[in-house]
Amino acid sequence: MPHTPSAAKRLRKSEKRRRQNRAVAKKIKGQRKEIATAITGTDAAKTTTEFKATQAMLDRAATKGYIHPNKAARLKSRLVKRLREAAKAPAAK
């Protein structure tokens, strides 16, 4: 337990931030799963809307400091790469 008032406040702040960070991380994880299922599906419109939503969510999380901007860029880059590979695959058949 904290011994000083400032340490108590620091504990309260860190707990609040931890809850916020975990909530955002959960949302990002869920959104990434949704785009993954959309990529494997056949509906191109759903894929593009999910891609835009995922991209916006990652940008917002990076801007607000929930994740590092480089991590957001890396995830978006990998997502675009997967989208391009999925777009090529049906054309090759």
N, C-alpha and C. Protein backbone atom coordinates (compact mmCIF):
# COMPACT_ATOMS: atom_id res chain seq x y z
N MET A 1 0.84 -1.19 0.00
CA MET A 1 0.00 0.00 0.00
C MET A 1 0.88 1.25 0.00
N PRO A 2 0.39 2.30 -0.64
CA PRO A 2 1.18 3.53 -0.69
C PRO A 2 1.26 4.22 0.69
N HIS A 3 2.38 4.84 0.95
CA HIS A 3 2.60 5.48 2.25
C HIS A 3 2.38 6.98 2.21
N THR A 4 2.41 7.58 1.04
CA THR A 4 2.23 9.02 0.94
C THR A 4 1.02 9.33 0.08
N PRO A 5 0.45 10.52 0.24
CA PRO A 5 -0.70 10.90 -0.59
C PRO A 5 -0.37 10.91 -2.10
N SER A 6 0.83 11.32 -2.43
CA SER A 6 1.20 11.35 -3.85
C SER A 6 1.33 9.94 -4.42
N ALA A 7 1.81 9.02 -3.60
CA ALA A 7 1.91 7.63 -4.04
C ALA A 7 0.52 7.02 -4.19
N ALA A 8 -0.41 7.42 -3.33
CA ALA A 8 -1.79 6.93 -3.44
C ALA A 8 -2.43 7.43 -4.72
N LYS A 9 -2.19 8.69 -5.03
CA LYS A 9 -2.73 9.26 -6.27
C LYS A 9 -2.11 8.57 -7.48
N ARG A 10 -0.83 8.33 -7.41
CA ARG A 10 -0.13 7.66 -8.51
C ARG A 10 -0.73 6.26 -8.73
N LEU A 11 -1.04 5.57 -7.66
CA LEU A 11 -1.65 4.25 -7.75
C LEU A 11 -3.03 4.33 -8.41
N ARG A 12 -3.82 5.33 -8.00
CA ARG A 12 -5.15 5.51 -8.60
C ARG A 12 -5.03 5.80 -10.10
N LYS A 13 -4.10 6.66 -10.46
CA LYS A 13 -3.91 7.01 -11.87
C LYS A 13 -3.46 5.82 -12.69
N SER A 14 -2.52 5.06 -12.16
CA SER A 14 -2.01 3.92 -12.92
C SER A 14 -3.08 2.84 -13.09
N GLU A 15 -3.93 2.66 -12.08
CA GLU A 15 -5.02 1.69 -12.19
C GLU A 15 -6.04 2.12 -13.25
N LYS A 16 -6.36 3.39 -13.26
CA LYS A 16 -7.30 3.93 -14.25
C LYS A 16 -6.73 3.78 -15.66
N ARG A 17 -5.46 4.11 -15.83
CA ARG A 17 -4.81 3.97 -17.13
C ARG A 17 -4.74 2.52 -17.58
N ARG A 18 -4.47 1.63 -16.64
CA ARG A 18 -4.39 0.21 -16.97
C ARG A 18 -5.74 -0.29 -17.50
N ARG A 19 -6.83 0.13 -16.83
CA ARG A 19 -8.16 -0.28 -17.29
C ARG A 19 -8.47 0.27 -18.67
N GLN A 20 -8.10 1.53 -18.92
CA GLN A 20 -8.34 2.14 -20.23
C GLN A 20 -7.53 1.44 -21.31
N ASN A 21 -6.26 1.19 -21.01
CA ASN A 21 -5.39 0.54 -22.00
C ASN A 21 -5.88 -0.86 -22.33
N ARG A 22 -6.31 -1.60 -21.32
CA ARG A 22 -6.81 -2.96 -21.56
C ARG A 22 -8.09 -2.95 -22.38
N ALA A 23 -8.96 -1.97 -22.13
CA ALA A 23 -10.21 -1.88 -22.88
C ALA A 23 -9.92 -1.59 -24.35
N VAL A 24 -9.01 -0.68 -24.61
CA VAL A 24 -8.66 -0.34 -26.00
C VAL A 24 -7.97 -1.53 -26.66
N ALA A 25 -7.10 -2.20 -25.94
CA ALA A 25 -6.40 -3.36 -26.51
C ALA A 25 -7.40 -4.45 -26.87
N LYS A 26 -8.43 -4.64 -26.04
CA LYS A 26 -9.46 -5.63 -26.33
C LYS A 26 -10.25 -5.25 -27.58
N LYS A 27 -10.58 -3.97 -27.72
CA LYS A 27 -11.32 -3.50 -28.89
C LYS A 27 -10.50 -3.71 -30.16
N ILE A 28 -9.22 -3.39 -30.09
CA ILE A 28 -8.34 -3.56 -31.25
C ILE A 28 -8.25 -5.03 -31.61
N LYS A 29 -8.10 -5.89 -30.63
CA LYS A 29 -8.01 -7.32 -30.88
C LYS A 29 -9.28 -7.84 -31.54
N GLY A 30 -10.43 -7.40 -31.06
CA GLY A 30 -11.70 -7.82 -31.65
C GLY A 30 -11.86 -7.33 -33.07
N GLN A 31 -11.45 -6.08 -33.31
CA GLN A 31 -11.54 -5.51 -34.66
C GLN A 31 -10.61 -6.24 -35.61
N ARG A 32 -9.43 -6.63 -35.14
CA ARG A 32 -8.50 -7.36 -35.99
C ARG A 32 -9.05 -8.74 -36.34
N LYS A 33 -9.78 -9.36 -35.42
CA LYS A 33 -10.40 -10.65 -35.71
C LYS A 33 -11.51 -10.48 -36.74
N GLU A 34 -12.28 -9.38 -36.63
CA GLU A 34 -13.36 -9.13 -37.59
C GLU A 34 -12.81 -8.93 -39.00
N ILE A 35 -11.73 -8.18 -39.14
CA ILE A 35 -11.16 -7.95 -40.47
C ILE A 35 -10.56 -9.25 -41.00
N ALA A 36 -10.02 -10.09 -40.12
CA ALA A 36 -9.46 -11.36 -40.57
C ALA A 36 -10.54 -12.25 -41.15
N THR A 37 -11.71 -12.29 -40.49
CA THR A 37 -12.81 -13.10 -41.03
C THR A 37 -13.37 -12.47 -42.30
N ALA A 38 -13.36 -11.15 -42.39
CA ALA A 38 -13.85 -10.47 -43.59
C ALA A 38 -12.93 -10.75 -44.78
N ILE A 39 -11.63 -10.83 -44.53
CA ILE A 39 -10.68 -11.10 -45.62
C ILE A 39 -10.89 -12.51 -46.17
N THR A 40 -11.15 -13.47 -45.30
CA THR A 40 -11.36 -14.83 -45.77
C THR A 40 -12.72 -15.01 -46.43
N GLY A 41 -13.65 -14.09 -46.15
CA GLY A 41 -14.99 -14.17 -46.74
C GLY A 41 -14.99 -13.72 -48.19
N THR A 42 -16.19 -13.69 -48.77
CA THR A 42 -16.32 -13.32 -50.18
C THR A 42 -16.87 -11.92 -50.39
N ASP A 43 -17.38 -11.28 -49.34
CA ASP A 43 -17.99 -9.97 -49.47
C ASP A 43 -16.92 -8.88 -49.47
N ALA A 44 -16.68 -8.30 -50.66
CA ALA A 44 -15.64 -7.27 -50.79
C ALA A 44 -16.04 -5.98 -50.10
N ALA A 45 -17.33 -5.64 -50.12
CA ALA A 45 -17.78 -4.41 -49.48
C ALA A 45 -17.55 -4.46 -47.97
N LYS A 46 -17.86 -5.59 -47.38
CA LYS A 46 -17.64 -5.75 -45.93
C LYS A 46 -16.16 -5.66 -45.60
N THR A 47 -15.33 -6.22 -46.46
CA THR A 47 -13.90 -6.18 -46.23
C THR A 47 -13.39 -4.75 -46.22
N THR A 48 -13.83 -3.94 -47.19
CA THR A 48 -13.36 -2.55 -47.24
C THR A 48 -13.87 -1.74 -46.05
N THR A 49 -15.12 -1.95 -45.64
CA THR A 49 -15.62 -1.21 -44.48
C THR A 49 -14.89 -1.63 -43.21
N GLU A 50 -14.64 -2.93 -43.06
CA GLU A 50 -13.91 -3.40 -41.89
C GLU A 50 -12.47 -2.88 -41.90
N PHE A 51 -11.87 -2.82 -43.09
CA PHE A 51 -10.50 -2.31 -43.21
C PHE A 51 -10.44 -0.86 -42.76
N LYS A 52 -11.40 -0.05 -43.23
CA LYS A 52 -11.41 1.36 -42.86
C LYS A 52 -11.63 1.53 -41.36
N ALA A 53 -12.50 0.71 -40.80
CA ALA A 53 -12.77 0.79 -39.35
C ALA A 53 -11.53 0.40 -38.55
N THR A 54 -10.85 -0.65 -38.99
CA THR A 54 -9.64 -1.10 -38.31
C THR A 54 -8.55 -0.05 -38.38
N GLN A 55 -8.38 0.51 -39.57
CA GLN A 55 -7.36 1.53 -39.77
C GLN A 55 -7.64 2.75 -38.88
N ALA A 56 -8.89 3.18 -38.83
CA ALA A 56 -9.26 4.33 -38.01
C ALA A 56 -9.04 4.04 -36.54
N MET A 57 -9.38 2.83 -36.11
CA MET A 57 -9.21 2.47 -34.71
C MET A 57 -7.74 2.47 -34.31
N LEU A 58 -6.89 1.93 -35.18
CA LEU A 58 -5.46 1.90 -34.89
C LEU A 58 -4.89 3.32 -34.85
N ASP A 59 -5.30 4.16 -35.79
CA ASP A 59 -4.81 5.55 -35.81
C ASP A 59 -5.24 6.29 -34.55
N ARG A 60 -6.49 6.09 -34.14
CA ARG A 60 -7.00 6.77 -32.97
C ARG A 60 -6.27 6.30 -31.72
N ALA A 61 -6.02 5.01 -31.62
CA ALA A 61 -5.33 4.47 -30.44
C ALA A 61 -3.90 5.00 -30.38
N ALA A 62 -3.26 5.13 -31.54
CA ALA A 62 -1.89 5.65 -31.56
C ALA A 62 -1.87 7.14 -31.21
N THR A 63 -2.83 7.89 -31.72
CA THR A 63 -2.90 9.32 -31.44
C THR A 63 -3.12 9.58 -29.97
N LYS A 64 -3.97 8.79 -29.35
CA LYS A 64 -4.28 8.99 -27.95
C LYS A 64 -3.26 8.36 -27.00
N GLY A 65 -2.29 7.63 -27.55
CA GLY A 65 -1.22 7.09 -26.74
C GLY A 65 -1.49 5.73 -26.14
N TYR A 66 -2.54 5.05 -26.59
CA TYR A 66 -2.82 3.72 -26.07
C TYR A 66 -1.84 2.69 -26.61
N ILE A 67 -1.43 2.86 -27.86
CA ILE A 67 -0.39 2.02 -28.45
C ILE A 67 0.63 2.93 -29.10
N HIS A 68 1.81 2.41 -29.34
CA HIS A 68 2.86 3.20 -29.95
C HIS A 68 2.52 3.43 -31.43
N PRO A 69 2.82 4.63 -31.95
CA PRO A 69 2.53 4.90 -33.36
C PRO A 69 3.19 3.92 -34.33
N ASN A 70 4.39 3.45 -33.99
CA ASN A 70 5.06 2.48 -34.86
C ASN A 70 4.32 1.15 -34.87
N LYS A 71 3.74 0.78 -33.74
CA LYS A 71 2.97 -0.46 -33.69
C LYS A 71 1.73 -0.34 -34.57
N ALA A 72 1.07 0.81 -34.51
CA ALA A 72 -0.11 1.03 -35.35
C ALA A 72 0.29 0.96 -36.83
N ALA A 73 1.40 1.56 -37.18
CA ALA A 73 1.86 1.54 -38.56
C ALA A 73 2.20 0.12 -39.00
N ARG A 74 2.84 -0.64 -38.12
CA ARG A 74 3.20 -2.02 -38.43
C ARG A 74 1.96 -2.88 -38.64
N LEU A 75 0.97 -2.74 -37.77
CA LEU A 75 -0.25 -3.53 -37.90
C LEU A 75 -1.00 -3.16 -39.18
N LYS A 76 -1.05 -1.88 -39.49
CA LYS A 76 -1.73 -1.44 -40.73
C LYS A 76 -1.00 -1.96 -41.96
N SER A 77 0.31 -1.93 -41.92
CA SER A 77 1.11 -2.42 -43.05
C SER A 77 0.87 -3.91 -43.28
N ARG A 78 0.86 -4.67 -42.21
CA ARG A 78 0.62 -6.11 -42.33
C ARG A 78 -0.80 -6.39 -42.83
N LEU A 79 -1.73 -5.56 -42.39
CA LEU A 79 -3.12 -5.72 -42.82
C LEU A 79 -3.26 -5.46 -44.31
N VAL A 80 -2.63 -4.40 -44.80
CA VAL A 80 -2.68 -4.09 -46.23
C VAL A 80 -2.04 -5.22 -47.03
N LYS A 81 -0.94 -5.75 -46.52
CA LYS A 81 -0.26 -6.86 -47.20
C LYS A 81 -1.20 -8.07 -47.32
N ARG A 82 -1.92 -8.39 -46.23
CA ARG A 82 -2.86 -9.51 -46.26
C ARG A 82 -4.02 -9.25 -47.22
N LEU A 83 -4.48 -8.00 -47.26
CA LEU A 83 -5.57 -7.65 -48.19
C LEU A 83 -5.13 -7.83 -49.64
N ARG A 84 -3.92 -7.39 -49.94
CA ARG A 84 -3.42 -7.52 -51.32
C ARG A 84 -3.22 -8.97 -51.71
N GLU A 85 -2.73 -9.79 -50.78
CA GLU A 85 -2.56 -11.21 -51.07
C GLU A 85 -3.90 -11.89 -51.29
N ALA A 86 -4.90 -11.49 -50.50
CA ALA A 86 -6.24 -12.07 -50.65
C ALA A 86 -6.87 -11.64 -51.96
N ALA A 87 -6.58 -10.42 -52.40
CA ALA A 87 -7.14 -9.94 -53.67
C ALA A 87 -6.49 -10.67 -54.85
N LYS A 88 -5.23 -11.01 -54.73
CA LYS A 88 -4.53 -11.72 -55.81
C LYS A 88 -5.00 -13.16 -55.92
N ALA A 89 -5.24 -13.81 -54.81
CA ALA A 89 -5.53 -15.24 -54.78
C ALA A 89 -6.73 -15.64 -55.64
N PRO A 90 -7.89 -14.96 -55.57
CA PRO A 90 -9.01 -15.40 -56.42
C PRO A 90 -8.74 -15.18 -57.91
N ALA A 91 -7.96 -14.17 -58.26
CA ALA A 91 -7.68 -13.89 -59.66
C ALA A 91 -6.78 -14.97 -60.25
N ALA A 92 -5.96 -15.60 -59.43
CA ALA A 92 -5.05 -16.63 -59.92
C ALA A 92 -5.76 -17.93 -60.24
N LYS A 93 -6.95 -18.14 -59.68
CA LYS A 93 -7.67 -19.40 -59.88
C LYS A 93 -8.22 -19.54 -61.24
